[in-house]
Amino acid sequence: MVQATLFSWSPQFLFGWRVFLLRLFGAQIGTGVKIRSSVQVTYPWKVKVGDHVWIGDECVLYSLSNITIGSHVAIAHKVYFNTGGHHYDKLTFDIFGTPVVIEDECWITNDVYVAPGVTIGKGTIVAARSSVLKSLPTGKVCAGTPAKPIKDREPSTNL
């Protein structure tokens, strides 16, 4: 009920209010975090976010298991972090949960799917509309379905 009202109805500029609400329900969230009002979080107590993180419109944090997002991370719009699924090899389709980790200094661009058990290495960029089905290394630009490294990320020293 809180997600559907107090969180999603809050004006876009009330980032602190949304962080407060998530913390109230057990999320661990650092300083300078900006979360848009259309973000959906399944179980806040399984979410940990570092400092200076942006989580864009219509992102889903499907936190059946832990989701850890490092510091200085930009998550664009419509990114889906999935930590759970069903065991297809069992007649009962039992539910499982496996953590997702986004390390520091990553940029996850628009409409990216991140599968259960994935770790995205420090400083990696994931291109729009990619599906991250397996962990990605540090310091790469990755794209595709499934997402794969396409080149090294070479951050500029010019500010």
C-alpha atoms as a PDB file:
ATOM      1  CA  MET A   1       0.000   0.000   0.000  1.00  0.00           C
ATOM      2  CA  VAL A   2       2.853   2.378   0.782  1.00  0.00           C
ATOM      3  CA  GLN A   3       4.413   1.693  -2.640  1.00  0.00           C
ATOM      4  CA  ALA A   4       1.142   2.381  -4.439  1.00  0.00           C
ATOM      5  CA  THR A   5       0.378   5.612  -2.573  1.00  0.00           C
ATOM      6  CA  LEU A   6       2.933   7.483  -0.455  1.00  0.00           C
ATOM      7  CA  PHE A   7       5.858   6.437  -2.650  1.00  0.00           C
ATOM      8  CA  SER A   8       4.446   6.582  -6.169  1.00  0.00           C
ATOM      9  CA  TRP A   9       2.283   9.667  -5.634  1.00  0.00           C
ATOM     10  CA  SER A  10       5.171  11.731  -4.279  1.00  0.00           C
ATOM     11  CA  PRO A  11       6.356  14.584  -6.533  1.00  0.00           C
ATOM     12  CA  GLN A  12       9.497  13.787  -8.530  1.00  0.00           C
ATOM     13  CA  PHE A  13      11.699  16.186  -6.529  1.00  0.00           C
ATOM     14  CA  LEU A  14      10.987  14.437  -3.170  1.00  0.00           C
ATOM     15  CA  PHE A  15      13.895  12.010  -3.453  1.00  0.00           C
ATOM     16  CA  GLY A  16      14.580  12.207   0.290  1.00  0.00           C
ATOM     17  CA  TRP A  17      10.993  11.201   1.090  1.00  0.00           C
ATOM     18  CA  ARG A  18      11.243   8.052  -1.019  1.00  0.00           C
ATOM     19  CA  VAL A  19      14.619   7.157   0.508  1.00  0.00           C
ATOM     20  CA  PHE A  20      13.069   7.663   3.970  1.00  0.00           C
ATOM     21  CA  LEU A  21      10.165   5.322   3.109  1.00  0.00           C
ATOM     22  CA  LEU A  22      12.489   2.610   1.800  1.00  0.00           C
ATOM     23  CA  ARG A  23      14.704   2.895   4.888  1.00  0.00           C
ATOM     24  CA  LEU A  24      11.596   2.679   7.060  1.00  0.00           C
ATOM     25  CA  PHE A  25      10.998  -0.768   5.536  1.00  0.00           C
ATOM     26  CA  GLY A  26      14.595  -1.921   5.995  1.00  0.00           C
ATOM     27  CA  ALA A  27      16.454  -0.808   2.872  1.00  0.00           C
ATOM     28  CA  GLN A  28      20.055   0.258   3.419  1.00  0.00           C
ATOM     29  CA  ILE A  29      20.547   3.419   1.377  1.00  0.00           C
ATOM     30  CA  GLY A  30      23.569   5.732   1.328  1.00  0.00           C
ATOM     31  CA  THR A  31      23.754   9.503   0.941  1.00  0.00           C
ATOM     32  CA  GLY A  32      22.920  11.484  -2.174  1.00  0.00           C
ATOM     33  CA  VAL A  33      20.643   8.766  -3.594  1.00  0.00           C
ATOM     34  CA  LYS A  34      17.907   9.788  -6.023  1.00  0.00           C
ATOM     35  CA  ILE A  35      15.071   7.340  -6.662  1.00  0.00           C
ATOM     36  CA  ARG A  36      12.225   8.246  -9.002  1.00  0.00           C
ATOM     37  CA  SER A  37       8.621   7.823  -7.830  1.00  0.00           C
ATOM     38  CA  SER A  38       7.776   5.164 -10.430  1.00  0.00           C
ATOM     39  CA  VAL A  39      10.443   2.723  -9.146  1.00  0.00           C
ATOM     40  CA  GLN A  40       9.032  -0.543  -7.754  1.00  0.00           C
ATOM     41  CA  VAL A  41      10.761  -2.435  -4.933  1.00  0.00           C
ATOM     42  CA  THR A  42       9.423  -5.848  -3.917  1.00  0.00           C
ATOM     43  CA  TYR A  43      11.119  -6.329  -0.527  1.00  0.00           C
ATOM     44  CA  PRO A  44      12.994  -3.186   0.605  1.00  0.00           C
ATOM     45  CA  TRP A  45      14.783  -5.022   3.433  1.00  0.00           C
ATOM     46  CA  LYS A  46      16.690  -6.995   0.773  1.00  0.00           C
ATOM     47  CA  VAL A  47      18.006  -3.884  -0.995  1.00  0.00           C
ATOM     48  CA  LYS A  48      21.315  -2.124  -0.293  1.00  0.00           C
ATOM     49  CA  VAL A  49      22.291   1.022  -2.234  1.00  0.00           C
ATOM     50  CA  GLY A  50      25.593   2.907  -1.896  1.00  0.00           C
ATOM     51  CA  ASP A  51      26.210   6.659  -2.080  1.00  0.00           C
ATOM     52  CA  HIS A  52      25.361   8.981  -4.986  1.00  0.00           C
ATOM     53  CA  VAL A  53      23.165   6.577  -6.953  1.00  0.00           C
ATOM     54  CA  TRP A  54      20.428   7.486  -9.425  1.00  0.00           C
ATOM     55  CA  ILE A  55      17.577   5.010 -10.071  1.00  0.00           C
ATOM     56  CA  GLY A  56      15.423   6.156 -12.991  1.00  0.00           C
ATOM     57  CA  ASP A  57      11.759   5.944 -13.896  1.00  0.00           C
ATOM     58  CA  GLU A  58       9.945   2.612 -14.066  1.00  0.00           C
ATOM     59  CA  CYS A  59      12.839   0.531 -12.735  1.00  0.00           C
ATOM     60  CA  VAL A  60      11.911  -2.693 -10.958  1.00  0.00           C
ATOM     61  CA  LEU A  61      13.921  -4.140  -8.096  1.00  0.00           C
ATOM     62  CA  TYR A  62      12.385  -7.615  -7.861  1.00  0.00           C
ATOM     63  CA  SER A  63      14.143  -8.464  -4.619  1.00  0.00           C
ATOM     64  CA  LEU A  64      13.228 -12.046  -3.768  1.00  0.00           C
ATOM     65  CA  SER A  65      16.916 -12.186  -2.842  1.00  0.00           C
ATOM     66  CA  ASN A  66      19.404  -9.412  -2.104  1.00  0.00           C
ATOM     67  CA  ILE A  67      20.097  -6.593  -4.543  1.00  0.00           C
ATOM     68  CA  THR A  68      23.304  -4.676  -3.851  1.00  0.00           C
ATOM     69  CA  ILE A  69      24.058  -1.506  -5.799  1.00  0.00           C
ATOM     70  CA  GLY A  70      27.432   0.136  -5.199  1.00  0.00           C
ATOM     71  CA  SER A  71      28.274   3.841  -5.062  1.00  0.00           C
ATOM     72  CA  HIS A  72      28.336   6.305  -7.967  1.00  0.00           C
ATOM     73  CA  VAL A  73      26.003   4.156 -10.060  1.00  0.00           C
ATOM     74  CA  ALA A  74      23.569   5.467 -12.674  1.00  0.00           C
ATOM     75  CA  ILE A  75      20.567   3.286 -13.457  1.00  0.00           C
ATOM     76  CA  ALA A  76      18.520   4.654 -16.337  1.00  0.00           C
ATOM     77  CA  HIS A  77      14.836   4.081 -17.014  1.00  0.00           C
ATOM     78  CA  LYS A  78      12.973   0.752 -17.208  1.00  0.00           C
ATOM     79  CA  VAL A  79      15.821  -1.383 -15.834  1.00  0.00           C
ATOM     80  CA  TYR A  80      14.609  -4.701 -14.364  1.00  0.00           C
ATOM     81  CA  PHE A  81      16.672  -6.347 -11.642  1.00  0.00           C
ATOM     82  CA  ASN A  82      15.405  -9.904 -11.232  1.00  0.00           C
ATOM     83  CA  THR A  83      16.630 -11.980  -8.301  1.00  0.00           C
ATOM     84  CA  GLY A  84      14.163 -14.833  -8.570  1.00  0.00           C
ATOM     85  CA  GLY A  85      12.488 -17.404 -10.719  1.00  0.00           C
ATOM     86  CA  HIS A  86      11.090 -20.907 -10.718  1.00  0.00           C
ATOM     87  CA  HIS A  87      12.910 -24.223 -10.930  1.00  0.00           C
ATOM     88  CA  TYR A  88      11.704 -25.403 -14.337  1.00  0.00           C
ATOM     89  CA  ASP A  89      13.016 -28.917 -13.707  1.00  0.00           C
ATOM     90  CA  LYS A  90      10.594 -29.528 -10.817  1.00  0.00           C
ATOM     91  CA  LEU A  91       6.923 -30.326 -11.292  1.00  0.00           C
ATOM     92  CA  THR A  92       6.107 -27.918  -8.470  1.00  0.00           C
ATOM     93  CA  PHE A  93       8.054 -25.012 -10.078  1.00  0.00           C
ATOM     94  CA  ASP A  94       9.561 -24.063  -6.699  1.00  0.00           C
ATOM     95  CA  ILE A  95      10.620 -20.423  -6.382  1.00  0.00           C
ATOM     96  CA  PHE A  96      14.301 -19.568  -5.956  1.00  0.00           C
ATOM     97  CA  GLY A  97      16.141 -16.355  -5.195  1.00  0.00           C
ATOM     98  CA  THR A  98      19.731 -15.488  -6.126  1.00  0.00           C
ATOM     99  CA  PRO A  99      21.406 -12.124  -5.355  1.00  0.00           C
ATOM    100  CA  VAL A 100      22.258  -9.443  -7.922  1.00  0.00           C
ATOM    101  CA  VAL A 101      25.277  -7.173  -7.405  1.00  0.00           C
ATOM    102  CA  ILE A 102      26.065  -3.951  -9.249  1.00  0.00           C
ATOM    103  CA  GLU A 103      29.539  -2.767  -8.277  1.00  0.00           C
ATOM    104  CA  ASP A 104      30.668   0.874  -7.996  1.00  0.00           C
ATOM    105  CA  GLU A 105      30.789   3.317 -10.910  1.00  0.00           C
ATOM    106  CA  CYS A 106      28.506   1.394 -13.274  1.00  0.00           C
ATOM    107  CA  TRP A 107      26.017   2.819 -15.734  1.00  0.00           C
ATOM    108  CA  ILE A 108      23.068   0.587 -16.578  1.00  0.00           C
ATOM    109  CA  THR A 109      21.309   2.280 -19.488  1.00  0.00           C
ATOM    110  CA  ASN A 110      17.659   2.153 -20.582  1.00  0.00           C
ATOM    111  CA  ASP A 111      15.504  -0.971 -20.687  1.00  0.00           C
ATOM    112  CA  VAL A 112      18.131  -3.441 -19.444  1.00  0.00           C
ATOM    113  CA  TYR A 113      17.211  -6.815 -17.907  1.00  0.00           C
ATOM    114  CA  VAL A 114      19.524  -8.192 -15.194  1.00  0.00           C
ATOM    115  CA  ALA A 115      19.037 -11.903 -14.411  1.00  0.00           C
ATOM    116  CA  PRO A 116      19.308 -13.663 -11.031  1.00  0.00           C
ATOM    117  CA  GLY A 117      22.851 -14.316  -9.828  1.00  0.00           C
ATOM    118  CA  VAL A 118      24.489 -11.636 -11.970  1.00  0.00           C
ATOM    119  CA  THR A 119      27.337  -9.398 -10.834  1.00  0.00           C
ATOM    120  CA  ILE A 120      28.234  -6.403 -12.976  1.00  0.00           C
ATOM    121  CA  GLY A 121      31.868  -5.453 -12.389  1.00  0.00           C
ATOM    122  CA  LYS A 122      33.139  -2.058 -11.255  1.00  0.00           C
ATOM    123  CA  GLY A 123      32.939   0.684 -13.857  1.00  0.00           C
ATOM    124  CA  THR A 124      31.085  -1.365 -16.455  1.00  0.00           C
ATOM    125  CA  ILE A 125      28.497   0.167 -18.771  1.00  0.00           C
ATOM    126  CA  VAL A 126      25.588  -1.905 -20.084  1.00  0.00           C
ATOM    127  CA  ALA A 127      24.064  -0.636 -23.340  1.00  0.00           C
ATOM    128  CA  ALA A 128      20.348  -0.011 -23.841  1.00  0.00           C
ATOM    129  CA  ARG A 129      18.010  -2.942 -24.329  1.00  0.00           C
ATOM    130  CA  SER A 130      20.632  -5.493 -23.305  1.00  0.00           C
ATOM    131  CA  SER A 131      19.837  -8.664 -21.369  1.00  0.00           C
ATOM    132  CA  VAL A 132      22.459  -9.454 -18.750  1.00  0.00           C
ATOM    133  CA  LEU A 133      22.155 -13.205 -18.281  1.00  0.00           C
ATOM    134  CA  LYS A 134      25.660 -13.843 -16.888  1.00  0.00           C
ATOM    135  CA  SER A 135      28.072 -11.776 -14.818  1.00  0.00           C
ATOM    136  CA  LEU A 136      30.039  -9.062 -16.598  1.00  0.00           C
ATOM    137  CA  PRO A 137      33.687  -8.120 -15.953  1.00  0.00           C
ATOM    138  CA  THR A 138      35.093  -4.888 -14.585  1.00  0.00           C
ATOM    139  CA  GLY A 139      35.714  -1.828 -16.765  1.00  0.00           C
ATOM    140  CA  LYS A 140      33.924  -2.854 -19.959  1.00  0.00           C
ATOM    141  CA  VAL A 141      31.230  -1.567 -22.268  1.00  0.00           C
ATOM    142  CA  CYS A 142      28.767  -4.423 -22.765  1.00  0.00           C
ATOM    143  CA  ALA A 143      25.837  -4.848 -25.136  1.00  0.00           C
ATOM    144  CA  GLY A 144      23.451  -7.382 -26.595  1.00  0.00           C
ATOM    145  CA  THR A 145      21.254 -10.289 -25.706  1.00  0.00           C
ATOM    146  CA  PRO A 146      22.966 -11.891 -23.990  1.00  0.00           C
ATOM    147  CA  ALA A 147      25.133  -8.917 -23.001  1.00  0.00           C
ATOM    148  CA  LYS A 148      28.833  -9.368 -23.745  1.00  0.00           C
ATOM    149  CA  PRO A 149      31.846  -7.073 -23.500  1.00  0.00           C
ATOM    150  CA  ILE A 150      32.382  -5.160 -26.756  1.00  0.00           C
ATOM    151  CA  LYS A 151      35.253  -2.888 -25.693  1.00  0.00           C
ATOM    152  CA  ASP A 152      37.175  -1.557 -22.729  1.00  0.00           C
ATOM    153  CA  ARG A 153      35.782   1.428 -20.920  1.00  0.00           C
ATOM    154  CA  GLU A 154      38.335   4.182 -20.874  1.00  0.00           C
ATOM    155  CA  PRO A 155      37.063   6.943 -18.586  1.00  0.00           C
ATOM    156  CA  SER A 156      38.176  10.426 -19.466  1.00  0.00           C
ATOM    157  CA  THR A 157      40.418  12.251 -17.019  1.00  0.00           C
ATOM    158  CA  ASN A 158      39.071  15.585 -18.349  1.00  0.00           C
ATOM    159  CA  LEU A 159      36.389  16.993 -16.101  1.00  0.00           C
END
